Structure formats: structure tokens, C-alpha cells
C-alpha atoms as a PDB file:
ATOM      1  CA  MET A   1      -0.125  -0.088  -0.110  1.00  0.00           C
ATOM      2  CA  GLN A   2       2.827   2.624   0.674  1.00  0.00           C
ATOM      3  CA  ASP A   3       4.526   1.891  -2.306  1.00  0.00           C
ATOM      4  CA  LEU A   4       1.300   2.264  -4.763  1.00  0.00           C
ATOM      5  CA  LYS A   5       1.034   5.622  -2.570  1.00  0.00           C
ATOM      6  CA  ALA A   6       4.668   6.523  -3.519  1.00  0.00           C
ATOM      7  CA  VAL A   7       3.853   5.797  -7.284  1.00  0.00           C
ATOM      8  CA  THR A   8       0.859   8.216  -6.977  1.00  0.00           C
ATOM      9  CA  ILE A   9       2.490  11.174  -5.780  1.00  0.00           C
ATOM     10  CA  MET A  10       5.691  10.452  -8.263  1.00  0.00           C
ATOM     11  CA  SER A  11       3.176  10.665 -11.278  1.00  0.00           C
ATOM     12  CA  ALA A  12       1.055  13.198  -9.731  1.00  0.00           C
ATOM     13  CA  LEU A  13       4.354  15.446  -9.765  1.00  0.00           C
ATOM     14  CA  ALA A  14       5.350  13.821 -13.208  1.00  0.00           C
ATOM     15  CA  VAL A  15       1.885  15.171 -14.876  1.00  0.00           C
ATOM     16  CA  CYS A  16       2.874  18.769 -12.987  1.00  0.00           C
ATOM     17  CA  VAL A  17       6.289  19.460 -14.379  1.00  0.00           C
ATOM     18  CA  ALA A  18       5.732  17.915 -17.512  1.00  0.00           C
ATOM     19  CA  GLY A  19       2.844  20.356 -17.875  1.00  0.00           C
ATOM     20  CA  ALA A  20       4.684  23.105 -16.305  1.00  0.00           C
ATOM     21  CA  VAL A  21       4.710  26.682 -19.024  1.00  0.00           C
ATOM     22  CA  PRO A  22       8.251  28.527 -18.364  1.00  0.00           C
ATOM     23  CA  MET A  23       7.624  32.133 -17.514  1.00  0.00           C
ATOM     24  CA  ARG A  24       8.562  34.506 -20.231  1.00  0.00           C
ATOM     25  CA  THR A  25      11.759  36.638 -20.085  1.00  0.00           C
ATOM     26  CA  ALA A  26      12.528  39.418 -21.999  1.00  0.00           C
ATOM     27  CA  SER A  27      15.592  38.521 -24.229  1.00  0.00           C
ATOM     28  CA  ALA A  28      18.352  40.847 -25.069  1.00  0.00           C
ATOM     29  CA  GLU A  29      16.736  40.336 -28.942  1.00  0.00           C
ATOM     30  CA  THR A  30      13.785  41.928 -27.955  1.00  0.00           C
ATOM     31  CA  ALA A  31      14.078  44.558 -25.563  1.00  0.00           C
ATOM     32  CA  LYS A  32      14.789  47.915 -26.192  1.00  0.00           C
ATOM     33  CA  PRO A  33      18.130  49.615 -24.722  1.00  0.00           C
ATOM     34  CA  VAL A  34      18.159  51.787 -21.504  1.00  0.00           C
ATOM     35  CA  ASP A  35      19.528  55.443 -21.990  1.00  0.00           C
ATOM     36  CA  GLU A  36      21.540  57.049 -19.546  1.00  0.00           C
ATOM     37  CA  SER A  37      18.665  58.624 -17.774  1.00  0.00           C
ATOM     38  CA  GLN A  38      16.245  55.679 -17.605  1.00  0.00           C
ATOM     39  CA  ALA A  39      19.357  53.670 -16.200  1.00  0.00           C
ATOM     40  CA  GLU A  40      19.520  56.668 -13.212  1.00  0.00           C
ATOM     41  CA  THR A  41      15.674  56.625 -12.721  1.00  0.00           C
ATOM     42  CA  ILE A  42      16.380  52.357 -11.983  1.00  0.00           C
ATOM     43  CA  ALA A  43      19.254  52.968  -9.920  1.00  0.00           C
ATOM     44  CA  ILE A  44      17.281  55.424  -7.811  1.00  0.00           C
ATOM     45  CA  LYS A  45      14.596  53.239  -7.682  1.00  0.00           C
ATOM     46  CA  ALA A  46      16.760  49.824  -6.356  1.00  0.00           C
ATOM     47  CA  CYS A  47      18.085  52.511  -4.178  1.00  0.00           C
ATOM     48  CA  HIS A  48      14.509  53.687  -2.314  1.00  0.00           C
ATOM     49  CA  GLY A  49      15.191  57.206  -3.410  1.00  0.00           C
ATOM     50  CA  GLY A  50      17.715  59.472  -3.520  1.00  0.00           C
ATOM     51  CA  THR A  51      20.501  61.335  -5.716  1.00  0.00           C
ATOM     52  CA  VAL A  52      22.667  60.487  -8.483  1.00  0.00           C
ATOM     53  CA  LYS A  53      26.188  61.417  -7.544  1.00  0.00           C
ATOM     54  CA  SER A  54      27.399  60.250 -10.924  1.00  0.00           C
ATOM     55  CA  GLU A  55      27.144  57.678 -13.515  1.00  0.00           C
ATOM     56  CA  THR A  56      29.572  56.452 -16.395  1.00  0.00           C
ATOM     57  CA  THR A  57      29.517  53.105 -18.975  1.00  0.00           C
ATOM     58  CA  THR A  58      31.273  49.814 -17.842  1.00  0.00           C
ATOM     59  CA  THR A  59      31.303  46.191 -18.718  1.00  0.00           C
ATOM     60  CA  THR A  60      29.851  43.341 -16.277  1.00  0.00           C
ATOM     61  CA  HIS A  61      31.038  39.821 -17.302  1.00  0.00           C
ATOM     62  CA  GLY A  62      31.118  40.489 -20.913  1.00  0.00           C
ATOM     63  CA  VAL A  63      27.842  42.934 -20.494  1.00  0.00           C
ATOM     64  CA  PRO A  64      27.490  46.374 -21.506  1.00  0.00           C
ATOM     65  CA  ALA A  65      26.084  48.402 -18.326  1.00  0.00           C
ATOM     66  CA  TYR A  66      26.136  51.677 -16.619  1.00  0.00           C
ATOM     67  CA  ALA A  67      27.412  52.055 -12.949  1.00  0.00           C
ATOM     68  CA  VAL A  68      25.449  54.584 -11.375  1.00  0.00           C
ATOM     69  CA  GLU A  69      26.380  55.893  -7.976  1.00  0.00           C
ATOM     70  CA  VAL A  70      23.610  57.243  -5.779  1.00  0.00           C
ATOM     71  CA  ASN A  71      23.322  59.212  -2.324  1.00  0.00           C
ATOM     72  CA  VAL A  72      20.779  57.543  -1.187  1.00  0.00           C
ATOM     73  CA  ALA A  73      17.589  59.354   0.445  1.00  0.00           C
ATOM     74  CA  ASN A  74      18.150  59.204   4.644  1.00  0.00           C
ATOM     75  CA  LYS A  75      21.178  57.411   4.535  1.00  0.00           C
ATOM     76  CA  SER A  76      24.852  58.547   5.001  1.00  0.00           C
ATOM     77  CA  PHE A  77      26.107  56.230   2.382  1.00  0.00           C
ATOM     78  CA  ILE A  78      26.393  55.991  -1.485  1.00  0.00           C
ATOM     79  CA  GLU A  79      25.354  52.593  -3.166  1.00  0.00           C
ATOM     80  CA  ARG A  80      26.813  51.799  -6.769  1.00  0.00           C
ATOM     81  CA  VAL A  81      23.528  50.063  -8.890  1.00  0.00           C
ATOM     82  CA  THR A  82      24.746  48.354 -12.174  1.00  0.00           C
ATOM     83  CA  VAL A  83      22.312  48.577 -14.831  1.00  0.00           C
ATOM     84  CA  ASP A  84      22.330  46.243 -18.020  1.00  0.00           C
ATOM     85  CA  ARG A  85      22.179  48.988 -21.042  1.00  0.00           C
ATOM     86  CA  GLN A  86      20.057  46.081 -22.915  1.00  0.00           C
ATOM     87  CA  THR A  87      17.737  45.296 -20.895  1.00  0.00           C
ATOM     88  CA  GLY A  88      17.482  47.565 -17.869  1.00  0.00           C
ATOM     89  CA  ALA A  89      18.100  44.475 -15.572  1.00  0.00           C
ATOM     90  CA  ILE A  90      19.803  45.110 -12.479  1.00  0.00           C
ATOM     91  CA  LEU A  91      23.206  43.247 -12.364  1.00  0.00           C
ATOM     92  CA  GLY A  92      24.588  44.645  -9.249  1.00  0.00           C
ATOM     93  CA  GLU A  93      24.406  46.864  -6.214  1.00  0.00           C
ATOM     94  CA  THR A  94      27.351  47.420  -3.884  1.00  0.00           C
ATOM     95  CA  TYR A  95      28.052  49.851  -0.569  1.00  0.00           C
ATOM     96  CA  ALA A  96      30.037  52.655  -2.545  1.00  0.00           C
ATOM     97  CA  GLY A  97      31.479  54.519   0.480  1.00  0.00           C
ATOM     98  CA  GLN A  98      30.130  57.451   2.630  1.00  0.00           C
ATOM     99  CA  GLN A  99      28.183  60.739   1.275  1.00  0.00           C
ATOM    100  CA  THR A 100      30.450  63.710   1.352  1.00  0.00           C
END
């Protein structure tokens, strides 16, 4: 009886996995490139508010990106947000020092 129950559960899981539909994401071919202003907006939103201290173009793991330094609102530090230039995806966020 225990083996039959295990087989039934495994069969149900197999049906669920087989019928699963992968989530659709924008590919680099269909995404619109992001300009500097849009990258700055994305970075500020990622930091929950603030002002842009600086913005440069860079490459992260072979991906063209913007590195935006944000003076984080109501905080005493700067956050560096790396934004993919093709898709607008956030590639990373790191502490970049104290605000001056």
C-alpha cells in the first residue's frame, strides 16, 4: 500500500512538471536599449530614493552596463547600482562609500 501511494505521488508530480509552462522573459534581442536617464531612474528606484552622484559606462561579465552611484535618501552612504544597457536589469548593487 505504501509503494502505491509513493507511485501515485510521483506520477502526479511528473504530470505537473511536464505540464509546466516556462515563465517568459524579455530577451536581449527584443528588449529596448536603456539610455543614461532611464538607468539613473532604475538605480534611484533600486535604492528607494536618492540623487545621482555619478554615472559611467562599464562592462560587467561581458555585459555592457551603466554604473550609477546614488546618494541614498535618508542614509549617509553611496550605493553603486549596475544596470544592463540592453535590458535595464539590475546586475548588482554594492556599497560605494560615505556621502561627502
